[in-house]
């Protein structure tokens, strides 16, 4: 397993945009942490930004897959169907765990005058984060095979969802009545479902050519 992780890292470095993607992933991660801490659950945007590095890492493997060294290699299929998930699976689960624990903690230290509202807001955040991560993971696999369609569907679903999550008083009574531990458990299931669907899509459509628009993004400035 350790050797597999070493291979995964080496494959990422073969991508023509390795340094750029690492820089962008780091920026999104830092920005996500700052936004999440500053908003204290009022918006899920910061949490979503924290998961952007998982998508960036996926793109690195697609870039590596187009290099001359990998095209003639017997591990070419595993470059897209196995090695990316050695990175995205632990990253996604660790990131979700830390965010869930942080927001569960916030829900327990609210001031007496705002206990119900604060608790409900954190529960809503956890549900919204799990659902958005699921969609993000599915999109990260689908966009390389059908960029335009997957992007349209993603935007149509995600923008209203983020808007609803940012509405402080929307469904407040409903979320206030939910057990935050159950919300965290369901969030884990949503993240795991996103990972499974991402793996499934990648394997089912492996032999389909990469979308031309996606290819331009992967190889631009190579």
Protein backbone atom coordinates (compact mmCIF):
# COMPACT_ATOMS: atom_id res chain seq x y z
CA UNK A 1 0.00 0.00 0.00
CA UNK A 2 2.86 2.38 0.82
CA UNK A 3 4.34 1.70 -2.62
CA UNK A 4 0.98 2.49 -4.18
CA UNK A 5 0.93 5.87 -2.45
CA UNK A 6 4.46 6.56 -3.67
CA UNK A 7 3.36 5.73 -7.22
CA UNK A 8 0.31 7.95 -6.85
CA UNK A 9 2.48 10.91 -5.85
CA UNK A 10 4.90 10.28 -8.72
CA UNK A 11 1.99 10.13 -11.16
CA UNK A 12 0.68 13.49 -9.96
CA UNK A 13 4.07 15.09 -10.57
CA UNK A 14 3.89 13.96 -14.22
CA UNK A 15 0.94 16.28 -14.84
CA UNK A 16 1.94 19.35 -16.90
CA UNK A 17 0.10 21.59 -14.42
CA UNK A 18 1.35 20.00 -11.21
CA UNK A 19 2.78 23.14 -9.59
CA UNK A 20 -0.13 25.33 -10.65
CA UNK A 21 -2.71 22.87 -9.31
CA UNK A 22 -0.89 22.53 -6.00
CA UNK A 23 -0.80 26.31 -5.61
CA UNK A 24 -4.50 26.67 -6.50
CA UNK A 25 -5.46 23.80 -4.21
CA UNK A 26 -3.54 25.41 -1.35
CA UNK A 27 -5.21 28.78 -1.96
CA UNK A 28 -8.69 27.24 -1.98
CA UNK A 29 -7.92 25.25 1.17
CA UNK A 30 -6.68 28.28 3.10
CA UNK A 31 -9.53 30.45 1.82
CA UNK A 32 -12.00 27.71 2.76
CA UNK A 33 -10.68 27.47 6.31
CA UNK A 34 -10.81 31.25 6.75
CA UNK A 35 -14.36 31.50 5.37
CA UNK A 36 -15.60 28.58 7.40
CA UNK A 37 -14.20 29.89 10.66
CA UNK A 38 -15.43 33.43 9.94
CA UNK A 39 -18.95 32.39 8.95
CA UNK A 40 -19.41 29.85 11.80
CA UNK A 41 -21.92 27.86 9.77
CA UNK A 42 -23.84 30.74 8.20
CA UNK A 43 -22.64 29.57 4.78
CA UNK A 44 -21.33 26.27 3.49
CA UNK A 45 -19.10 27.93 0.87
CA UNK A 46 -15.96 27.66 3.00
CA UNK A 47 -16.53 23.96 3.52
CA UNK A 48 -16.93 23.41 -0.21
CA UNK A 49 -13.68 25.28 -0.88
CA UNK A 50 -11.89 22.92 1.49
CA UNK A 51 -12.89 20.03 -0.77
CA UNK A 52 -11.63 21.69 -3.96
CA UNK A 53 -8.13 20.18 -3.49
CA UNK A 54 -9.67 16.72 -3.94
CA UNK A 55 -10.88 17.82 -7.38
CA UNK A 56 -7.51 19.38 -8.20
CA UNK A 57 -5.75 16.13 -7.36
CA UNK A 58 -8.12 14.23 -9.63
CA UNK A 59 -7.18 16.56 -12.49
CA UNK A 60 -3.48 15.88 -11.90
CA UNK A 61 -4.02 12.19 -12.61
CA UNK A 62 -5.86 12.98 -15.85
CA UNK A 63 -2.94 15.18 -16.86
CA UNK A 64 -0.46 12.42 -16.01
CA UNK A 65 -2.54 9.94 -18.00
CA UNK A 66 -1.87 11.94 -21.17
CA UNK A 67 1.91 11.93 -20.77
CA UNK A 68 3.98 9.79 -23.11
CA UNK A 69 5.33 7.71 -20.24
CA UNK A 70 1.87 6.61 -19.10
CA UNK A 71 0.23 6.15 -22.51
CA UNK A 72 2.46 3.15 -23.19
CA UNK A 73 2.42 1.89 -19.60
CA UNK A 74 0.44 -1.14 -18.31
CA UNK A 75 -0.75 0.96 -15.36
CA UNK A 76 -2.52 3.51 -17.56
CA UNK A 77 -6.01 2.35 -16.57
CA UNK A 78 -5.13 2.36 -12.87
CA UNK A 79 -3.91 5.94 -13.29
CA UNK A 80 -7.56 6.99 -13.53
CA UNK A 81 -9.47 4.18 -11.82
CA UNK A 82 -7.32 3.40 -8.78
CA UNK A 83 -4.53 5.82 -7.89
CA UNK A 84 -6.67 9.00 -7.74
CA UNK A 85 -8.85 7.47 -5.06
CA UNK A 86 -5.88 6.63 -2.87
CA UNK A 87 -5.70 10.40 -2.44
CA UNK A 88 -9.29 11.63 -2.70
CA UNK A 89 -10.86 9.04 -0.38
CA UNK A 90 -8.75 9.74 2.73
CA UNK A 91 -8.68 13.47 2.02
CA UNK A 92 -12.48 13.66 1.71
CA UNK A 93 -13.14 11.59 4.83
CA UNK A 94 -10.60 13.47 6.96
CA UNK A 95 -11.81 16.88 5.75
CA UNK A 96 -15.44 15.98 6.42
CA UNK A 97 -14.62 14.58 9.86
CA UNK A 98 -12.79 17.75 10.92
CA UNK A 99 -15.53 20.03 9.60
CA UNK A 100 -18.29 17.95 11.21
CA UNK A 101 -16.51 17.93 14.59
CA UNK A 102 -15.86 21.66 14.39
CA UNK A 103 -19.48 22.53 13.65
CA UNK A 104 -20.77 20.07 16.23
CA UNK A 105 -18.55 21.88 18.74
CA UNK A 106 -19.95 25.26 17.67
CA UNK A 107 -23.49 23.96 18.19
CA UNK A 108 -22.66 23.15 21.82
CA UNK A 109 -21.08 26.47 22.80
CA UNK A 110 -23.80 28.79 21.52
CA UNK A 111 -25.02 31.57 23.82
CA UNK A 112 -28.23 30.76 25.77
CA UNK A 113 -30.26 33.34 23.84
CA UNK A 114 -29.46 31.76 20.49
CA UNK A 115 -29.08 28.06 21.33
CA UNK A 116 -31.90 26.83 19.10
CA UNK A 117 -30.99 29.01 16.11
CA UNK A 118 -27.28 28.24 16.35
CA UNK A 119 -27.88 24.52 16.76
CA UNK A 120 -30.26 24.42 13.79
CA UNK A 121 -27.79 26.36 11.65
CA UNK A 122 -24.99 23.89 12.37
CA UNK A 123 -27.22 20.89 11.63
CA UNK A 124 -28.26 22.49 8.34
CA UNK A 125 -24.60 23.15 7.52
CA UNK A 126 -23.65 19.51 8.09
CA UNK A 127 -26.49 18.20 5.90
CA UNK A 128 -25.73 20.74 3.15
CA UNK A 129 -22.01 19.98 3.24
CA UNK A 130 -22.57 16.24 2.86
CA UNK A 131 -24.89 16.75 -0.10
CA UNK A 132 -22.62 19.28 -1.81
CA UNK A 133 -19.56 17.07 -1.39
CA UNK A 134 -21.49 14.18 -2.94
CA UNK A 135 -22.35 16.36 -5.95
CA UNK A 136 -18.81 17.70 -6.19
CA UNK A 137 -17.28 14.22 -6.21
CA UNK A 138 -19.71 12.97 -8.85
CA UNK A 139 -19.04 16.05 -10.97
CA UNK A 140 -15.27 15.56 -10.66
CA UNK A 141 -15.63 12.19 -12.40
CA UNK A 142 -18.35 13.09 -14.91
CA UNK A 143 -16.93 16.38 -16.20
CA UNK A 144 -13.96 14.71 -17.92
CA UNK A 145 -16.29 12.65 -20.12
CA UNK A 146 -19.04 15.20 -20.72
CA UNK A 147 -17.98 18.65 -19.57
CA UNK A 148 -20.84 20.82 -20.85
CA UNK A 149 -23.75 18.60 -19.76
CA UNK A 150 -22.28 17.73 -16.37
CA UNK A 151 -21.44 21.38 -15.68
CA UNK A 152 -24.95 22.57 -16.57
CA UNK A 153 -26.55 19.94 -14.33
CA UNK A 154 -24.08 20.67 -11.53
CA UNK A 155 -24.70 24.42 -11.60
CA UNK A 156 -28.50 24.04 -11.79
CA UNK A 157 -28.48 21.87 -8.66
CA UNK A 158 -25.67 23.42 -6.64
CA UNK A 159 -26.43 27.16 -6.86
CA UNK A 160 -29.96 26.87 -5.39
CA UNK A 161 -28.65 24.45 -2.77
CA UNK A 162 -25.94 26.86 -1.64
CA UNK A 163 -28.50 29.67 -1.66
CA UNK A 164 -30.83 27.69 0.60
CA UNK A 165 -27.99 26.79 2.94
CA UNK A 166 -27.10 30.49 3.31
CA UNK A 167 -30.65 31.50 4.21
CA UNK A 168 -30.31 31.69 7.99
CA UNK A 169 -33.97 31.14 8.88
CA UNK A 170 -35.04 28.74 6.11
CA UNK A 171 -36.26 25.41 7.56
CA UNK A 172 -34.87 26.45 10.95
CA UNK A 173 -37.56 24.58 12.91
CA UNK A 174 -36.98 21.41 10.91
CA UNK A 175 -33.21 21.35 11.38
CA UNK A 176 -33.50 22.44 15.01
CA UNK A 177 -35.46 19.26 15.73
CA UNK A 178 -32.78 17.00 14.22
CA UNK A 179 -30.10 15.14 16.17
CA UNK A 180 -26.72 16.54 15.11
CA UNK A 181 -25.09 13.12 15.54
CA UNK A 182 -27.58 11.64 13.08
CA UNK A 183 -26.83 14.53 10.70
CA UNK A 184 -23.11 13.76 10.90
CA UNK A 185 -23.78 10.07 10.22
CA UNK A 186 -25.93 10.88 7.19
CA UNK A 187 -23.24 13.30 6.03
CA UNK A 188 -20.69 10.49 6.14
CA UNK A 189 -23.02 8.31 4.08
CA UNK A 190 -23.41 11.08 1.50
CA UNK A 191 -19.64 11.56 1.23
CA UNK A 192 -19.09 7.80 0.90
CA UNK A 193 -21.84 7.62 -1.73
CA UNK A 194 -20.13 10.42 -3.63
CA UNK A 195 -16.83 8.54 -3.56
CA UNK A 196 -18.45 5.28 -4.69
CA UNK A 197 -20.32 7.02 -7.53
CA UNK A 198 -17.14 8.82 -8.57
CA UNK A 199 -15.26 5.51 -8.74
CA UNK A 200 -18.13 3.85 -10.61
CA UNK A 201 -18.41 6.62 -13.21
CA UNK A 202 -14.65 6.62 -13.74
CA UNK A 203 -14.58 2.88 -14.36
CA UNK A 204 -17.74 2.72 -16.47
CA UNK A 205 -16.59 5.48 -18.82
CA UNK A 206 -12.86 4.80 -18.76
CA UNK A 207 -12.74 3.82 -22.45
CA UNK A 208 -14.64 6.92 -23.53
CA UNK A 209 -12.38 9.73 -24.77
CA UNK A 210 -11.80 12.68 -22.49
CA UNK A 211 -14.01 15.63 -23.38
CA UNK A 212 -12.18 18.14 -25.60
CA UNK A 213 -12.96 21.08 -23.32
CA UNK A 214 -11.69 19.17 -20.32
CA UNK A 215 -8.58 18.20 -22.24
CA UNK A 216 -7.84 21.85 -23.03
CA UNK A 217 -8.05 22.70 -19.36
CA UNK A 218 -5.81 19.80 -18.36
CA UNK A 219 -3.11 20.41 -20.98
CA UNK A 220 -3.27 24.22 -21.30
CA UNK A 221 0.12 25.83 -20.92
CA UNK A 222 1.71 22.38 -20.84
